[in-house]
Amino acid sequence: MPILRMSEIRSMSSEDRARRLIELKMELMKLNATIKAGGTVENYSRVREIKRTIARILTVQREEELKLRKAVSK
């Protein structure tokens, strides 16, 4: 799964972002389980990339939530 850029994440629908977030969290759990079990992972930097992508998605979700709150309060 390729790493997503902020522009790509912002252009996604909220359902697509939620689905991608679940997929990334599952992949991260699998990688962490493999590492904890003493297995080898072919690309350790993938864990870091996944964490950053999860953070990007959560950031965009939060930005949209704040926009909605601001629009409602006006």
N, C-alpha and C. Protein backbone atom coordinates (compact mmCIF):
# COMPACT_ATOMS: atom_id res chain seq x y z
N MET A 1 0.84 -1.17 0.00
CA MET A 1 0.00 0.00 0.00
C MET A 1 0.90 1.24 0.00
N PRO A 2 0.76 2.10 -0.99
CA PRO A 2 1.62 3.27 -1.06
C PRO A 2 1.29 4.30 0.02
N ILE A 3 2.26 5.10 0.33
CA ILE A 3 2.07 6.15 1.32
C ILE A 3 1.27 7.28 0.68
N LEU A 4 0.35 7.83 1.44
CA LEU A 4 -0.53 8.88 0.93
C LEU A 4 0.02 10.26 1.27
N ARG A 5 -0.10 11.15 0.34
CA ARG A 5 0.28 12.55 0.57
C ARG A 5 -0.95 13.31 1.09
N MET A 6 -0.72 14.46 1.69
CA MET A 6 -1.82 15.23 2.27
C MET A 6 -2.85 15.61 1.21
N SER A 7 -2.40 15.98 0.02
CA SER A 7 -3.35 16.35 -1.04
C SER A 7 -4.23 15.17 -1.42
N GLU A 8 -3.66 13.97 -1.45
CA GLU A 8 -4.44 12.77 -1.77
C GLU A 8 -5.45 12.48 -0.67
N ILE A 9 -5.04 12.65 0.58
CA ILE A 9 -5.93 12.38 1.70
C ILE A 9 -7.08 13.38 1.71
N ARG A 10 -6.79 14.65 1.45
CA ARG A 10 -7.84 15.66 1.46
C ARG A 10 -8.84 15.46 0.33
N SER A 11 -8.39 14.89 -0.77
CA SER A 11 -9.29 14.68 -1.90
C SER A 11 -10.17 13.44 -1.72
N MET A 12 -9.87 12.60 -0.74
CA MET A 12 -10.65 11.39 -0.48
C MET A 12 -11.94 11.75 0.26
N SER A 13 -12.96 10.91 0.10
CA SER A 13 -14.19 11.10 0.88
C SER A 13 -13.92 10.64 2.32
N SER A 14 -14.78 11.04 3.22
CA SER A 14 -14.58 10.67 4.62
C SER A 14 -14.69 9.15 4.82
N GLU A 15 -15.54 8.49 4.02
CA GLU A 15 -15.66 7.04 4.12
C GLU A 15 -14.39 6.35 3.65
N ASP A 16 -13.80 6.88 2.56
CA ASP A 16 -12.55 6.31 2.06
C ASP A 16 -11.42 6.48 3.08
N ARG A 17 -11.39 7.66 3.71
CA ARG A 17 -10.36 7.89 4.74
C ARG A 17 -10.53 6.93 5.90
N ALA A 18 -11.77 6.73 6.34
CA ALA A 18 -12.01 5.82 7.45
C ALA A 18 -11.61 4.40 7.10
N ARG A 19 -11.93 3.98 5.89
CA ARG A 19 -11.57 2.63 5.44
C ARG A 19 -10.06 2.47 5.36
N ARG A 20 -9.38 3.47 4.81
CA ARG A 20 -7.92 3.42 4.69
C ARG A 20 -7.26 3.43 6.06
N LEU A 21 -7.84 4.18 7.00
CA LEU A 21 -7.30 4.23 8.36
C LEU A 21 -7.37 2.85 9.01
N ILE A 22 -8.48 2.16 8.83
CA ILE A 22 -8.61 0.81 9.39
C ILE A 22 -7.59 -0.13 8.76
N GLU A 23 -7.43 -0.04 7.44
CA GLU A 23 -6.46 -0.89 6.74
C GLU A 23 -5.04 -0.65 7.25
N LEU A 24 -4.69 0.62 7.43
CA LEU A 24 -3.34 0.94 7.90
C LEU A 24 -3.12 0.47 9.33
N LYS A 25 -4.12 0.63 10.18
CA LYS A 25 -3.99 0.17 11.56
C LYS A 25 -3.82 -1.35 11.62
N MET A 26 -4.55 -2.06 10.77
CA MET A 26 -4.41 -3.52 10.73
C MET A 26 -3.01 -3.92 10.25
N GLU A 27 -2.52 -3.24 9.23
CA GLU A 27 -1.18 -3.54 8.73
C GLU A 27 -0.12 -3.25 9.80
N LEU A 28 -0.28 -2.16 10.52
CA LEU A 28 0.65 -1.81 11.59
C LEU A 28 0.61 -2.86 12.70
N MET A 29 -0.57 -3.33 13.05
CA MET A 29 -0.67 -4.37 14.08
C MET A 29 0.03 -5.64 13.64
N LYS A 30 -0.13 -6.02 12.40
CA LYS A 30 0.53 -7.22 11.88
C LYS A 30 2.05 -7.08 11.91
N LEU A 31 2.54 -5.91 11.49
CA LEU A 31 3.99 -5.69 11.51
C LEU A 31 4.53 -5.71 12.93
N ASN A 32 3.83 -5.06 13.84
CA ASN A 32 4.27 -5.04 15.24
C ASN A 32 4.26 -6.43 15.84
N ALA A 33 3.25 -7.23 15.51
CA ALA A 33 3.19 -8.60 16.02
C ALA A 33 4.35 -9.42 15.49
N THR A 34 4.68 -9.25 14.23
CA THR A 34 5.81 -9.96 13.63
C THR A 34 7.11 -9.58 14.32
N ILE A 35 7.29 -8.29 14.58
CA ILE A 35 8.51 -7.82 15.24
C ILE A 35 8.59 -8.36 16.66
N LYS A 36 7.48 -8.31 17.41
CA LYS A 36 7.47 -8.78 18.79
C LYS A 36 7.72 -10.29 18.87
N ALA A 37 7.28 -11.02 17.86
CA ALA A 37 7.46 -12.47 17.86
C ALA A 37 8.88 -12.86 17.47
N GLY A 38 9.69 -11.89 17.14
CA GLY A 38 11.07 -12.18 16.78
C GLY A 38 11.26 -12.46 15.30
N GLY A 39 10.23 -12.25 14.53
CA GLY A 39 10.32 -12.46 13.09
C GLY A 39 11.05 -11.33 12.41
N THR A 40 11.36 -11.54 11.17
CA THR A 40 12.06 -10.50 10.42
C THR A 40 11.06 -9.77 9.53
N VAL A 41 11.25 -8.48 9.46
CA VAL A 41 10.44 -7.64 8.59
C VAL A 41 11.37 -7.12 7.50
N GLU A 42 10.94 -7.23 6.26
CA GLU A 42 11.83 -6.85 5.18
C GLU A 42 12.11 -5.35 5.12
N ASN A 43 11.19 -4.55 5.70
CA ASN A 43 11.39 -3.11 5.63
C ASN A 43 10.91 -2.47 6.94
N TYR A 44 11.83 -2.21 7.85
CA TYR A 44 11.47 -1.63 9.14
C TYR A 44 10.96 -0.20 9.00
N SER A 45 11.39 0.51 7.97
CA SER A 45 10.94 1.88 7.80
C SER A 45 9.45 1.94 7.43
N ARG A 46 8.90 0.82 7.01
CA ARG A 46 7.47 0.76 6.68
C ARG A 46 6.61 1.07 7.91
N VAL A 47 7.06 0.64 9.09
CA VAL A 47 6.32 0.92 10.33
C VAL A 47 6.23 2.43 10.53
N ARG A 48 7.31 3.11 10.35
CA ARG A 48 7.36 4.56 10.51
C ARG A 48 6.46 5.25 9.47
N GLU A 49 6.50 4.77 8.24
CA GLU A 49 5.68 5.35 7.18
C GLU A 49 4.20 5.17 7.48
N ILE A 50 3.84 4.00 7.97
CA ILE A 50 2.43 3.73 8.30
C ILE A 50 1.97 4.64 9.43
N LYS A 51 2.79 4.79 10.46
CA LYS A 51 2.43 5.65 11.58
C LYS A 51 2.21 7.09 11.12
N ARG A 52 3.08 7.56 10.25
CA ARG A 52 2.94 8.93 9.74
C ARG A 52 1.69 9.10 8.89
N THR A 53 1.38 8.09 8.09
CA THR A 53 0.18 8.18 7.26
C THR A 53 -1.08 8.16 8.13
N ILE A 54 -1.08 7.35 9.17
CA ILE A 54 -2.21 7.33 10.11
C ILE A 54 -2.38 8.71 10.73
N ALA A 55 -1.28 9.31 11.13
CA ALA A 55 -1.34 10.65 11.73
C ALA A 55 -1.87 11.68 10.73
N ARG A 56 -1.49 11.56 9.48
CA ARG A 56 -1.97 12.49 8.46
C ARG A 56 -3.49 12.36 8.28
N ILE A 57 -3.97 11.13 8.23
CA ILE A 57 -5.40 10.91 8.06
C ILE A 57 -6.17 11.46 9.26
N LEU A 58 -5.68 11.20 10.46
CA LEU A 58 -6.34 11.71 11.65
C LEU A 58 -6.33 13.23 11.69
N THR A 59 -5.25 13.83 11.20
CA THR A 59 -5.16 15.29 11.16
C THR A 59 -6.22 15.87 10.23
N VAL A 60 -6.38 15.30 9.06
CA VAL A 60 -7.37 15.79 8.11
C VAL A 60 -8.78 15.60 8.66
N GLN A 61 -9.02 14.46 9.31
CA GLN A 61 -10.34 14.23 9.92
C GLN A 61 -10.63 15.29 10.98
N ARG A 62 -9.65 15.61 11.77
CA ARG A 62 -9.83 16.62 12.83
C ARG A 62 -10.06 18.00 12.23
N GLU A 63 -9.33 18.35 11.16
CA GLU A 63 -9.51 19.63 10.50
C GLU A 63 -10.95 19.77 9.99
N GLU A 64 -11.46 18.71 9.39
CA GLU A 64 -12.83 18.76 8.87
C GLU A 64 -13.84 18.86 10.01
N GLU A 65 -13.58 18.17 11.10
CA GLU A 65 -14.47 18.25 12.26
C GLU A 65 -14.52 19.68 12.79
N LEU A 66 -13.37 20.33 12.86
CA LEU A 66 -13.32 21.71 13.36
C LEU A 66 -13.99 22.67 12.39
N LYS A 67 -13.88 22.42 11.10
CA LYS A 67 -14.56 23.26 10.11
C LYS A 67 -16.07 23.17 10.28
N LEU A 68 -16.57 21.95 10.51
CA LEU A 68 -18.00 21.78 10.71
C LEU A 68 -18.48 22.48 11.97
N ARG A 69 -17.72 22.37 13.05
CA ARG A 69 -18.09 23.05 14.29
C ARG A 69 -18.14 24.55 14.10
N LYS A 70 -17.15 25.07 13.37
CA LYS A 70 -17.07 26.50 13.15
C LYS A 70 -18.24 26.98 12.30
N ALA A 71 -18.61 26.18 11.29
CA ALA A 71 -19.73 26.53 10.43
C ALA A 71 -21.05 26.50 11.19
N VAL A 72 -21.20 25.55 12.09
CA VAL A 72 -22.45 25.43 12.86
C VAL A 72 -22.57 26.56 13.87
N SER A 73 -21.46 26.96 14.46
CA SER A 73 -21.50 27.99 15.50
C SER A 73 -21.74 29.38 14.93
N LYS A 74 -21.57 29.58 13.65
CA LYS A 74 -21.78 30.91 13.07
C LYS A 74 -23.22 31.22 12.89
